[in-house]
C-alpha atoms as a PDB file:
ATOM      1  CA  MET A   1       0.622 110.850  20.373  1.00  0.00           C
ATOM      2  CA  PRO A   2       1.808 111.862  16.901  1.00  0.00           C
ATOM      3  CA  ARG A   3       5.086 110.479  15.603  1.00  0.00           C
ATOM      4  CA  ILE A   4       7.813 112.815  14.415  1.00  0.00           C
ATOM      5  CA  ARG A   5       8.321 112.838  10.646  1.00  0.00           C
ATOM      6  CA  PRO A   6      11.718 111.240   9.927  1.00  0.00           C
ATOM      7  CA  ASN A   7      14.325 113.357   8.140  1.00  0.00           C
ATOM      8  CA  PHE A   8      14.776 110.809   5.321  1.00  0.00           C
ATOM      9  CA  MET A   9      11.280 111.698   4.055  1.00  0.00           C
ATOM     10  CA  ASP A  10      12.565 115.120   2.971  1.00  0.00           C
ATOM     11  CA  SER A  11      15.554 113.615   1.145  1.00  0.00           C
ATOM     12  CA  PRO A  12      15.625 113.677  -2.668  1.00  0.00           C
ATOM     13  CA  TYR A  13      16.712 110.011  -2.459  1.00  0.00           C
ATOM     14  CA  PHE A  14      13.403 108.943  -0.873  1.00  0.00           C
ATOM     15  CA  ILE A  15      10.634 107.691  -3.186  1.00  0.00           C
ATOM     16  CA  ASP A  16       7.175 107.788  -1.574  1.00  0.00           C
ATOM     17  CA  GLU A  17       5.140 105.481  -3.790  1.00  0.00           C
ATOM     18  CA  PRO A  18       2.018 104.081  -2.095  1.00  0.00           C
ATOM     19  CA  GLY A  19       2.941 100.657  -0.751  1.00  0.00           C
ATOM     20  CA  ASN A  20       6.466 100.880  -2.204  1.00  0.00           C
ATOM     21  CA  TRP A  21       8.637 103.206  -0.142  1.00  0.00           C
ATOM     22  CA  HIS A  22      12.278 102.966  -1.146  1.00  0.00           C
ATOM     23  CA  LEU A  23      15.507 104.880  -1.626  1.00  0.00           C
ATOM     24  CA  VAL A  24      17.141 105.409  -4.990  1.00  0.00           C
ATOM     25  CA  SER A  25      20.633 104.025  -5.445  1.00  0.00           C
ATOM     26  CA  GLY A  26      23.401 106.318  -4.295  1.00  0.00           C
ATOM     27  CA  ALA A  27      21.605 107.498  -1.152  1.00  0.00           C
ATOM     28  CA  PRO A  28      24.009 108.606   1.599  1.00  0.00           C
ATOM     29  CA  GLU A  29      24.759 106.074   4.346  1.00  0.00           C
ATOM     30  CA  GLU A  30      23.047 108.164   7.050  1.00  0.00           C
ATOM     31  CA  VAL A  31      19.817 108.335   5.006  1.00  0.00           C
ATOM     32  CA  GLN A  32      19.944 104.571   4.403  1.00  0.00           C
ATOM     33  CA  GLU A  33      20.460 103.855   8.116  1.00  0.00           C
ATOM     34  CA  GLU A  34      17.592 106.121   9.184  1.00  0.00           C
ATOM     35  CA  PHE A  35      15.270 104.607   6.551  1.00  0.00           C
ATOM     36  CA  GLU A  36      16.132 101.023   7.543  1.00  0.00           C
ATOM     37  CA  ALA A  37      15.677 101.806  11.261  1.00  0.00           C
ATOM     38  CA  TYR A  38      12.268 103.342  10.527  1.00  0.00           C
ATOM     39  CA  VAL A  39      11.141 100.334   8.480  1.00  0.00           C
ATOM     40  CA  ARG A  40      12.313  97.939  11.230  1.00  0.00           C
ATOM     41  CA  SER A  41      10.435  99.951  13.873  1.00  0.00           C
ATOM     42  CA  MET A  42       7.208  99.628  11.873  1.00  0.00           C
ATOM     43  CA  MET A  43       7.520  95.819  11.937  1.00  0.00           C
ATOM     44  CA  ILE A  44       7.430  95.593  15.746  1.00  0.00           C
ATOM     45  CA  VAL A  45       4.164  93.955  16.806  1.00  0.00           C
ATOM     46  CA  ASP A  46       2.861  94.960  20.220  1.00  0.00           C
ATOM     47  CA  GLU A  47       1.746  92.302  22.681  1.00  0.00           C
ATOM     48  CA  PRO A  48      -1.986  92.055  23.416  1.00  0.00           C
ATOM     49  CA  GLY A  49      -2.987  94.626  26.043  1.00  0.00           C
ATOM     50  CA  THR A  50      -0.321  97.151  25.028  1.00  0.00           C
ATOM     51  CA  ILE A  51      -0.238 100.340  23.004  1.00  0.00           C
ATOM     52  CA  ASN A  52       3.218 101.246  21.682  1.00  0.00           C
ATOM     53  CA  GLY A  53       4.685  98.803  24.209  1.00  0.00           C
ATOM     54  CA  ILE A  54       2.896 100.330  27.219  1.00  0.00           C
ATOM     55  CA  HIS A  55       0.764  97.879  29.201  1.00  0.00           C
ATOM     56  CA  ILE A  56      -2.877  98.987  29.435  1.00  0.00           C
ATOM     57  CA  GLN A  57      -4.950  97.714  32.360  1.00  0.00           C
ATOM     58  CA  TYR A  58      -8.223  96.134  31.341  1.00  0.00           C
ATOM     59  CA  PRO A  59     -10.582  93.704  33.053  1.00  0.00           C
END
């Protein structure tokens, strides 16, 4: 299932360098919060036997 593109990616404060995503200084608080939440969500490691946190039956 495709993920929805976050709004911060369309912000002029967002810098999309390969391997170095960041926000320029002075970014609005709401953009900073959305960016930080997105980065934290990418760090979640699923348990073995799950896809996006959903348990998959296997032998």
